[in-house]
């Protein structure tokens, strides 16, 4: 079963711009790609460990949601924390 992809408002705007041909190439695209790759690698570098204790109920719910998204639950938990601390956590329910 393929997981349903949920897009936020920004992602929907990007998809719409792509589909309508509104996206335009940038100058020095190779430099821009390299810069963005570097930023992405630094953003998602896993260089710290976090150990927490949560209820078994919350862990089961977390694992179930991760399964719905089609990703490992620890990756899902890290993603949720990242979205929260960066101000991008949006309720989908």
PDB file of N, CA and C in Angstrom:
ATOM      1  N   UNK A   1       0.839  -1.187   0.000  1.00  0.00           N
ATOM      2  CA  UNK A   1       0.000   0.000   0.000  1.00  0.00           C
ATOM      3  C   UNK A   1       0.880   1.245   0.000  1.00  0.00           C
ATOM      4  N   UNK A   2       0.670   2.102  -0.952  1.00  0.00           N
ATOM      5  CA  UNK A   2       1.464   3.321  -1.080  1.00  0.00           C
ATOM      6  C   UNK A   2       0.930   4.383  -0.117  1.00  0.00           C
ATOM      7  N   UNK A   3       1.819   4.975   0.722  1.00  0.00           N
ATOM      8  CA  UNK A   3       1.334   5.986   1.658  1.00  0.00           C
ATOM      9  C   UNK A   3       0.872   7.239   0.919  1.00  0.00           C
ATOM     10  N   UNK A   4      -0.188   7.858   1.403  1.00  0.00           N
ATOM     11  CA  UNK A   4      -0.700   9.088   0.816  1.00  0.00           C
ATOM     12  C   UNK A   4       0.216  10.237   1.207  1.00  0.00           C
ATOM     13  N   UNK A   5       0.637  11.010   0.212  1.00  0.00           N
ATOM     14  CA  UNK A   5       1.527  12.139   0.468  1.00  0.00           C
ATOM     15  C   UNK A   5       0.683  13.340   0.877  1.00  0.00           C
ATOM     16  N   UNK A   6       1.072  13.962   1.976  1.00  0.00           N
ATOM     17  CA  UNK A   6       0.376  15.151   2.470  1.00  0.00           C
ATOM     18  C   UNK A   6       1.269  16.356   2.223  1.00  0.00           C
ATOM     19  N   UNK A   7       0.779  17.309   1.456  1.00  0.00           N
ATOM     20  CA  UNK A   7       1.552  18.507   1.136  1.00  0.00           C
ATOM     21  C   UNK A   7       1.074  19.675   1.982  1.00  0.00           C
ATOM     22  N   UNK A   8       2.032  20.512   2.418  1.00  0.00           N
ATOM     23  CA  UNK A   8       1.632  21.727   3.119  1.00  0.00           C
ATOM     24  C   UNK A   8       1.377  22.825   2.079  1.00  0.00           C
ATOM     25  N   UNK A   9       0.986  23.995   2.533  1.00  0.00           N
ATOM     26  CA  UNK A   9       0.617  25.093   1.635  1.00  0.00           C
ATOM     27  C   UNK A   9       1.782  25.508   0.733  1.00  0.00           C
ATOM     28  N   UNK A  10       2.983  25.576   1.282  1.00  0.00           N
ATOM     29  CA  UNK A  10       4.155  25.962   0.501  1.00  0.00           C
ATOM     30  C   UNK A  10       4.435  24.931  -0.595  1.00  0.00           C
ATOM     31  N   UNK A  11       4.369  23.659  -0.234  1.00  0.00           N
ATOM     32  CA  UNK A  11       4.621  22.594  -1.207  1.00  0.00           C
ATOM     33  C   UNK A  11       3.585  22.603  -2.325  1.00  0.00           C
ATOM     34  N   UNK A  12       2.328  22.860  -1.971  1.00  0.00           N
ATOM     35  CA  UNK A  12       1.279  22.934  -2.985  1.00  0.00           C
ATOM     36  C   UNK A  12       1.533  24.090  -3.946  1.00  0.00           C
ATOM     37  N   UNK A  13       2.024  25.207  -3.412  1.00  0.00           N
ATOM     38  CA  UNK A  13       2.364  26.350  -4.256  1.00  0.00           C
ATOM     39  C   UNK A  13       3.488  26.030  -5.229  1.00  0.00           C
ATOM     40  N   UNK A  14       4.475  25.300  -4.755  1.00  0.00           N
ATOM     41  CA  UNK A  14       5.591  24.899  -5.617  1.00  0.00           C
ATOM     42  C   UNK A  14       5.107  23.959  -6.713  1.00  0.00           C
ATOM     43  N   UNK A  15       4.280  22.985  -6.340  1.00  0.00           N
ATOM     44  CA  UNK A  15       3.728  22.064  -7.341  1.00  0.00           C
ATOM     45  C   UNK A  15       2.918  22.799  -8.393  1.00  0.00           C
ATOM     46  N   UNK A  16       2.112  23.742  -7.964  1.00  0.00           N
ATOM     47  CA  UNK A  16       1.305  24.513  -8.902  1.00  0.00           C
ATOM     48  C   UNK A  16       2.193  25.327  -9.842  1.00  0.00           C
ATOM     49  N   UNK A  17       3.231  25.963  -9.296  1.00  0.00           N
ATOM     50  CA  UNK A  17       4.154  26.738 -10.123  1.00  0.00           C
ATOM     51  C   UNK A  17       4.857  25.847 -11.136  1.00  0.00           C
ATOM     52  N   UNK A  18       5.229  24.649 -10.719  1.00  0.00           N
ATOM     53  CA  UNK A  18       5.883  23.700 -11.637  1.00  0.00           C
ATOM     54  C   UNK A  18       4.931  23.301 -12.771  1.00  0.00           C
ATOM     55  N   UNK A  19       3.717  22.965 -12.381  1.00  0.00           N
ATOM     56  CA  UNK A  19       2.750  22.486 -13.369  1.00  0.00           C
ATOM     57  C   UNK A  19       2.314  23.579 -14.344  1.00  0.00           C
ATOM     58  N   UNK A  20       2.317  24.832 -13.926  1.00  0.00           N
ATOM     59  CA  UNK A  20       1.906  25.929 -14.806  1.00  0.00           C
ATOM     60  C   UNK A  20       3.079  26.531 -15.566  1.00  0.00           C
ATOM     61  N   UNK A  21       4.287  26.063 -15.286  1.00  0.00           N
ATOM     62  CA  UNK A  21       5.462  26.594 -15.980  1.00  0.00           C
ATOM     63  C   UNK A  21       5.946  27.926 -15.443  1.00  0.00           C
ATOM     64  N   UNK A  22       5.508  28.285 -14.239  1.00  0.00           N
ATOM     65  CA  UNK A  22       5.887  29.576 -13.658  1.00  0.00           C
ATOM     66  C   UNK A  22       7.299  29.577 -13.063  1.00  0.00           C
ATOM     67  N   UNK A  23       7.880  28.396 -12.868  1.00  0.00           N
ATOM     68  CA  UNK A  23       9.234  28.337 -12.307  1.00  0.00           C
ATOM     69  C   UNK A  23      10.240  28.687 -13.390  1.00  0.00           C
ATOM     70  N   UNK A  24      11.201  29.517 -13.061  1.00  0.00           N
ATOM     71  CA  UNK A  24      12.234  29.951 -14.000  1.00  0.00           C
ATOM     72  C   UNK A  24      13.598  29.522 -13.483  1.00  0.00           C
ATOM     73  N   UNK A  25      14.522  29.146 -14.388  1.00  0.00           N
ATOM     74  CA  UNK A  25      15.867  28.757 -13.952  1.00  0.00           C
ATOM     75  C   UNK A  25      16.610  29.934 -13.320  1.00  0.00           C
ATOM     76  N   UNK A  26      17.478  29.631 -12.381  1.00  0.00           N
ATOM     77  CA  UNK A  26      18.282  30.664 -11.737  1.00  0.00           C
ATOM     78  C   UNK A  26      19.647  30.742 -12.407  1.00  0.00           C
ATOM     79  N   UNK A  27      20.263  31.920 -12.286  1.00  0.00           N
ATOM     80  CA  UNK A  27      21.627  32.074 -12.806  1.00  0.00           C
ATOM     81  C   UNK A  27      22.565  31.293 -11.900  1.00  0.00           C
ATOM     82  N   UNK A  28      23.666  30.816 -12.447  1.00  0.00           N
ATOM     83  CA  UNK A  28      24.656  30.053 -11.681  1.00  0.00           C
ATOM     84  C   UNK A  28      24.016  28.867 -10.976  1.00  0.00           C
ATOM     85  N   UNK A  29      23.219  28.110 -11.704  1.00  0.00           N
ATOM     86  CA  UNK A  29      22.467  27.017 -11.074  1.00  0.00           C
ATOM     87  C   UNK A  29      23.377  25.980 -10.422  1.00  0.00           C
ATOM     88  N   UNK A  30      24.537  25.710 -11.004  1.00  0.00           N
ATOM     89  CA  UNK A  30      25.436  24.728 -10.387  1.00  0.00           C
ATOM     90  C   UNK A  30      25.905  25.205  -9.015  1.00  0.00           C
ATOM     91  N   UNK A  31      26.232  26.491  -8.900  1.00  0.00           N
ATOM     92  CA  UNK A  31      26.650  27.044  -7.604  1.00  0.00           C
ATOM     93  C   UNK A  31      25.493  27.003  -6.612  1.00  0.00           C
ATOM     94  N   UNK A  32      24.310  27.341  -7.070  1.00  0.00           N
ATOM     95  CA  UNK A  32      23.137  27.346  -6.198  1.00  0.00           C
ATOM     96  C   UNK A  32      22.827  25.931  -5.693  1.00  0.00           C
ATOM     97  N   UNK A  33      22.906  24.953  -6.584  1.00  0.00           N
ATOM     98  CA  UNK A  33      22.656  23.563  -6.191  1.00  0.00           C
ATOM     99  C   UNK A  33      23.674  23.122  -5.153  1.00  0.00           C
ATOM    100  N   UNK A  34      24.933  23.444  -5.382  1.00  0.00           N
ATOM    101  CA  UNK A  34      25.988  23.076  -4.433  1.00  0.00           C
ATOM    102  C   UNK A  34      25.738  23.724  -3.071  1.00  0.00           C
ATOM    103  N   UNK A  35      25.368  25.011  -3.077  1.00  0.00           N
ATOM    104  CA  UNK A  35      25.093  25.728  -1.827  1.00  0.00           C
ATOM    105  C   UNK A  35      23.928  25.086  -1.078  1.00  0.00           C
ATOM    106  N   UNK A  36      22.865  24.767  -1.789  1.00  0.00           N
ATOM    107  CA  UNK A  36      21.686  24.186  -1.145  1.00  0.00           C
ATOM    108  C   UNK A  36      21.960  22.772  -0.640  1.00  0.00           C
ATOM    109  N   UNK A  37      22.756  22.013  -1.364  1.00  0.00           N
ATOM    110  CA  UNK A  37      23.131  20.681  -0.891  1.00  0.00           C
ATOM    111  C   UNK A  37      23.917  20.774   0.417  1.00  0.00           C
ATOM    112  N   UNK A  38      24.822  21.739   0.490  1.00  0.00           N
ATOM    113  CA  UNK A  38      25.615  21.933   1.702  1.00  0.00           C
ATOM    114  C   UNK A  38      24.715  22.295   2.882  1.00  0.00           C
ATOM    115  N   UNK A  39      23.791  23.212   2.655  1.00  0.00           N
ATOM    116  CA  UNK A  39      22.860  23.623   3.714  1.00  0.00           C
ATOM    117  C   UNK A  39      22.006  22.436   4.150  1.00  0.00           C
ATOM    118  N   UNK A  40      21.514  21.659   3.190  1.00  0.00           N
ATOM    119  CA  UNK A  40      20.680  20.495   3.526  1.00  0.00           C
ATOM    120  C   UNK A  40      21.457  19.484   4.346  1.00  0.00           C
ATOM    121  N   UNK A  41      22.689  19.206   3.957  1.00  0.00           N
ATOM    122  CA  UNK A  41      23.505  18.249   4.703  1.00  0.00           C
ATOM    123  C   UNK A  41      23.749  18.726   6.127  1.00  0.00           C
ATOM    124  N   UNK A  42      24.019  20.008   6.292  1.00  0.00           N
ATOM    125  CA  UNK A  42      24.246  20.556   7.635  1.00  0.00           C
ATOM    126  C   UNK A  42      22.967  20.536   8.461  1.00  0.00           C
ATOM    127  N   UNK A  43      21.838  20.773   7.810  1.00  0.00           N
ATOM    128  CA  UNK A  43      20.559  20.808   8.512  1.00  0.00           C
ATOM    129  C   UNK A  43      20.185  19.434   9.042  1.00  0.00           C
ATOM    130  N   UNK A  44      20.424  18.411   8.245  1.00  0.00           N
ATOM    131  CA  UNK A  44      19.974  17.078   8.613  1.00  0.00           C
ATOM    132  C   UNK A  44      21.076  16.183   9.154  1.00  0.00           C
ATOM    133  N   UNK A  45      22.228  16.777   9.454  1.00  0.00           N
ATOM    134  CA  UNK A  45      23.312  15.997  10.042  1.00  0.00           C
ATOM    135  C   UNK A  45      22.876  15.532  11.427  1.00  0.00           C
ATOM    136  N   UNK A  46      22.991  14.269  11.644  1.00  0.00           N
ATOM    137  CA  UNK A  46      22.591  13.705  12.940  1.00  0.00           C
ATOM    138  C   UNK A  46      23.846  13.559  13.787  1.00  0.00           C
ATOM    139  N   UNK A  47      24.159  14.616  14.527  1.00  0.00           N
ATOM    140  CA  UNK A  47      25.393  14.621  15.304  1.00  0.00           C
ATOM    141  C   UNK A  47      25.142  14.673  16.817  1.00  0.00           C
ATOM    142  N   UNK A  48      23.873  14.561  17.220  1.00  0.00           N
ATOM    143  CA  UNK A  48      23.542  14.572  18.640  1.00  0.00           C
ATOM    144  C   UNK A  48      22.548  13.450  18.924  1.00  0.00           C
ATOM    145  N   UNK A  49      22.583  12.957  20.137  1.00  0.00           N
ATOM    146  CA  UNK A  49      21.674  11.885  20.551  1.00  0.00           C
ATOM    147  C   UNK A  49      20.702  12.457  21.584  1.00  0.00           C
ATOM    148  N   UNK A  50      19.460  11.986  21.521  1.00  0.00           N
ATOM    149  CA  UNK A  50      18.427  12.377  22.473  1.00  0.00           C
ATOM    150  C   UNK A  50      17.769  11.110  22.991  1.00  0.00           C
ATOM    151  N   UNK A  51      17.814  10.917  24.279  1.00  0.00           N
ATOM    152  CA  UNK A  51      17.140   9.777  24.912  1.00  0.00           C
ATOM    153  C   UNK A  51      15.997  10.328  25.756  1.00  0.00           C
ATOM    154  N   UNK A  52      14.798   9.836  25.489  1.00  0.00           N
ATOM    155  CA  UNK A  52      13.631  10.291  26.250  1.00  0.00           C
ATOM    156  C   UNK A  52      12.811   9.084  26.690  1.00  0.00           C
ATOM    157  N   UNK A  53      12.036   9.296  27.726  1.00  0.00           N
ATOM    158  CA  UNK A  53      11.113   8.265  28.184  1.00  0.00           C
ATOM    159  C   UNK A  53       9.708   8.780  27.893  1.00  0.00           C
ATOM    160  N   UNK A  54       8.920   7.946  27.207  1.00  0.00           N
ATOM    161  CA  UNK A  54       7.534   8.295  26.921  1.00  0.00           C
ATOM    162  C   UNK A  54       6.660   7.092  27.260  1.00  0.00           C
ATOM    163  N   UNK A  55       5.375   7.324  27.341  1.00  0.00           N
ATOM    164  CA  UNK A  55       4.462   6.229  27.673  1.00  0.00           C
ATOM    165  C   UNK A  55       4.418   5.224  26.530  1.00  0.00           C
ATOM    166  N   UNK A  56       4.123   3.989  26.874  1.00  0.00           N
ATOM    167  CA  UNK A  56       4.027   2.947  25.847  1.00  0.00           C
ATOM    168  C   UNK A  56       2.899   3.276  24.868  1.00  0.00           C
ATOM    169  N   UNK A  57       1.845   3.913  25.344  1.00  0.00           N
ATOM    170  CA  UNK A  57       0.731   4.315  24.480  1.00  0.00           C
ATOM    171  C   UNK A  57       1.201   5.329  23.443  1.00  0.00           C
ATOM    172  N   UNK A  58       1.949   6.345  23.892  1.00  0.00           N
ATOM    173  CA  UNK A  58       2.458   7.339  22.950  1.00  0.00           C
ATOM    174  C   UNK A  58       3.423   6.712  21.954  1.00  0.00           C
ATOM    175  N   UNK A  59       4.251   5.793  22.412  1.00  0.00           N
ATOM    176  CA  UNK A  59       5.192   5.126  21.510  1.00  0.00           C
ATOM    177  C   UNK A  59       4.444   4.313  20.455  1.00  0.00           C
ATOM    178  N   UNK A  60       3.418   3.593  20.863  1.00  0.00           N
ATOM    179  CA  UNK A  60       2.631   2.814  19.902  1.00  0.00           C
ATOM    180  C   UNK A  60       1.953   3.728  18.889  1.00  0.00           C
ATOM    181  N   UNK A  61       1.415   4.847  19.351  1.00  0.00           N
ATOM    182  CA  UNK A  61       0.780   5.806  18.437  1.00  0.00           C
ATOM    183  C   UNK A  61       1.805   6.419  17.485  1.00  0.00           C
ATOM    184  N   UNK A  62       2.991   6.728  18.004  1.00  0.00           N
ATOM    185  CA  UNK A  62       4.069   7.267  17.179  1.00  0.00           C
ATOM    186  C   UNK A  62       4.468   6.255  16.103  1.00  0.00           C
ATOM    187  N   UNK A  63       4.600   5.004  16.493  1.00  0.00           N
ATOM    188  CA  UNK A  63       4.969   3.956  15.542  1.00  0.00           C
ATOM    189  C   UNK A  63       3.879   3.766  14.487  1.00  0.00           C
ATOM    190  N   UNK A  64       2.621   3.858  14.902  1.00  0.00           N
ATOM    191  CA  UNK A  64       1.514   3.708  13.951  1.00  0.00           C
ATOM    192  C   UNK A  64       1.512   4.848  12.935  1.00  0.00           C
ATOM    193  N   UNK A  65       1.739   6.075  13.416  1.00  0.00           N
ATOM    194  CA  UNK A  65       1.788   7.230  12.494  1.00  0.00           C
ATOM    195  C   UNK A  65       2.965   7.116  11.542  1.00  0.00           C
ATOM    196  N   UNK A  66       4.097   6.659  12.043  1.00  0.00           N
ATOM    197  CA  UNK A  66       5.275   6.481  11.185  1.00  0.00           C
ATOM    198  C   UNK A  66       4.988   5.441  10.109  1.00  0.00           C
ATOM    199  N   UNK A  67       4.297   4.377  10.484  1.00  0.00           N
ATOM    200  CA  UNK A  67       3.928   3.341   9.526  1.00  0.00           C
ATOM    201  C   UNK A  67       3.023   3.919   8.436  1.00  0.00           C
ATOM    202  N   UNK A  68       2.079   4.782   8.830  1.00  0.00           N
ATOM    203  CA  UNK A  68       1.209   5.456   7.859  1.00  0.00           C
ATOM    204  C   UNK A  68       2.028   6.283   6.869  1.00  0.00           C
ATOM    205  N   UNK A  69       3.087   6.914   7.371  1.00  0.00           N
ATOM    206  CA  UNK A  69       3.946   7.754   6.525  1.00  0.00           C
ATOM    207  C   UNK A  69       4.953   6.925   5.734  1.00  0.00           C
ATOM    208  N   UNK A  70       5.118   5.663   6.128  1.00  0.00           N
ATOM    209  CA  UNK A  70       6.035   4.782   5.417  1.00  0.00           C
ATOM    210  C   UNK A  70       7.498   4.997   5.765  1.00  0.00           C
ATOM    211  N   UNK A  71       7.760   5.465   6.990  1.00  0.00           N
ATOM    212  CA  UNK A  71       9.138   5.709   7.418  1.00  0.00           C
ATOM    213  C   UNK A  71       9.360   5.108   8.809  1.00  0.00           C
ATOM    214  N   UNK A  72      10.619   4.846   9.181  1.00  0.00           N
ATOM    215  CA  UNK A  72      10.903   4.338  10.529  1.00  0.00           C
ATOM    216  C   UNK A  72      10.430   5.334  11.599  1.00  0.00           C
ATOM    217  N   UNK A  73       9.988   4.796  12.733  1.00  0.00           N
ATOM    218  CA  UNK A  73       9.405   5.677  13.755  1.00  0.00           C
ATOM    219  C   UNK A  73      10.417   6.663  14.337  1.00  0.00           C
ATOM    220  N   UNK A  74      11.687   6.284  14.430  1.00  0.00           N
ATOM    221  CA  UNK A  74      12.679   7.231  14.963  1.00  0.00           C
ATOM    222  C   UNK A  74      12.903   8.378  13.987  1.00  0.00           C
ATOM    223  N   UNK A  75      12.897   8.073  12.699  1.00  0.00           N
ATOM    224  CA  UNK A  75      13.008   9.117  11.681  1.00  0.00           C
ATOM    225  C   UNK A  75      11.798  10.028  11.741  1.00  0.00           C
ATOM    226  N   UNK A  76      10.620   9.432  11.916  1.00  0.00           N
ATOM    227  CA  UNK A  76       9.390  10.213  12.030  1.00  0.00           C
ATOM    228  C   UNK A  76       9.433  11.130  13.248  1.00  0.00           C
ATOM    229  N   UNK A  77       9.876  10.601  14.387  1.00  0.00           N
ATOM    230  CA  UNK A  77       9.959  11.401  15.615  1.00  0.00           C
ATOM    231  C   UNK A  77      10.929  12.564  15.428  1.00  0.00           C
ATOM    232  N   UNK A  78      12.073  12.310  14.803  1.00  0.00           N
ATOM    233  CA  UNK A  78      13.048  13.381  14.554  1.00  0.00           C
ATOM    234  C   UNK A  78      12.458  14.442  13.631  1.00  0.00           C
ATOM    235  N   UNK A  79      11.682  14.005  12.633  1.00  0.00           N
ATOM    236  CA  UNK A  79      11.051  14.938  11.702  1.00  0.00           C
ATOM    237  C   UNK A  79      10.024  15.819  12.415  1.00  0.00           C
ATOM    238  N   UNK A  80       9.220  15.208  13.271  1.00  0.00           N
ATOM    239  CA  UNK A  80       8.219  15.973  14.024  1.00  0.00           C
ATOM    240  C   UNK A  80       8.907  17.009  14.914  1.00  0.00           C
ATOM    241  N   UNK A  81       9.949  16.592  15.610  1.00  0.00           N
ATOM    242  CA  UNK A  81      10.680  17.537  16.464  1.00  0.00           C
ATOM    243  C   UNK A  81      11.291  18.672  15.637  1.00  0.00           C
ATOM    244  N   UNK A  82      11.872  18.332  14.497  1.00  0.00           N
ATOM    245  CA  UNK A  82      12.467  19.359  13.640  1.00  0.00           C
ATOM    246  C   UNK A  82      11.409  20.357  13.171  1.00  0.00           C
ATOM    247  N   UNK A  83      10.268  19.848  12.719  1.00  0.00           N
ATOM    248  CA  UNK A  83       9.199  20.738  12.263  1.00  0.00           C
ATOM    249  C   UNK A  83       8.709  21.633  13.393  1.00  0.00           C
ATOM    250  N   UNK A  84       8.604  21.079  14.597  1.00  0.00           N
ATOM    251  CA  UNK A  84       8.129  21.867  15.727  1.00  0.00           C
ATOM    252  C   UNK A  84       9.103  22.988  16.070  1.00  0.00           C
ATOM    253  N   UNK A  85      10.381  22.661  16.208  1.00  0.00           N
ATOM    254  CA  UNK A  85      11.338  23.686  16.635  1.00  0.00           C
ATOM    255  C   UNK A  85      11.606  24.709  15.541  1.00  0.00           C
ATOM    256  N   UNK A  86      11.341  24.351  14.271  1.00  0.00           N
ATOM    257  CA  UNK A  86      11.543  25.319  13.192  1.00  0.00           C
ATOM    258  C   UNK A  86      10.263  26.079  12.853  1.00  0.00           C
ATOM    259  N   UNK A  87       9.174  25.804  13.585  1.00  0.00           N
ATOM    260  CA  UNK A  87       7.926  26.541  13.402  1.00  0.00           C
ATOM    261  C   UNK A  87       7.097  26.081  12.216  1.00  0.00           C
ATOM    262  N   UNK A  88       7.363  24.886  11.690  1.00  0.00           N
ATOM    263  CA  UNK A  88       6.638  24.398  10.527  1.00  0.00           C
ATOM    264  C   UNK A  88       5.684  23.250  10.834  1.00  0.00           C
ATOM    265  N   UNK A  89       5.427  22.991  12.092  1.00  0.00           N
ATOM    266  CA  UNK A  89       4.520  21.902  12.444  1.00  0.00           C
ATOM    267  C   UNK A  89       3.090  22.356  12.193  1.00  0.00           C
ATOM    268  N   UNK A  90       2.404  21.633  11.304  1.00  0.00           N
ATOM    269  CA  UNK A  90       1.035  21.965  10.941  1.00  0.00           C
ATOM    270  C   UNK A  90       0.169  20.748  11.225  1.00  0.00           C
ATOM    271  N   UNK A  91      -0.913  20.951  11.923  1.00  0.00           N
ATOM    272  CA  UNK A  91      -1.825  19.849  12.223  1.00  0.00           C
ATOM    273  C   UNK A  91      -2.525  19.401  10.954  1.00  0.00           C
ATOM    274  N   UNK A  92      -2.557  18.105  10.713  1.00  0.00           N
ATOM    275  CA  UNK A  92      -3.202  17.547   9.531  1.00  0.00           C
ATOM    276  C   UNK A  92      -4.563  16.958   9.866  1.00  0.00           C
ATOM    277  N   UNK A  93      -4.984  17.058  11.085  1.00  0.00           N
ATOM    278  CA  UNK A  93      -6.258  16.459  11.497  1.00  0.00           C
ATOM    279  C   UNK A  93      -7.286  17.509  11.760  1.00  0.00           C
TER     280      UNK A  93
END
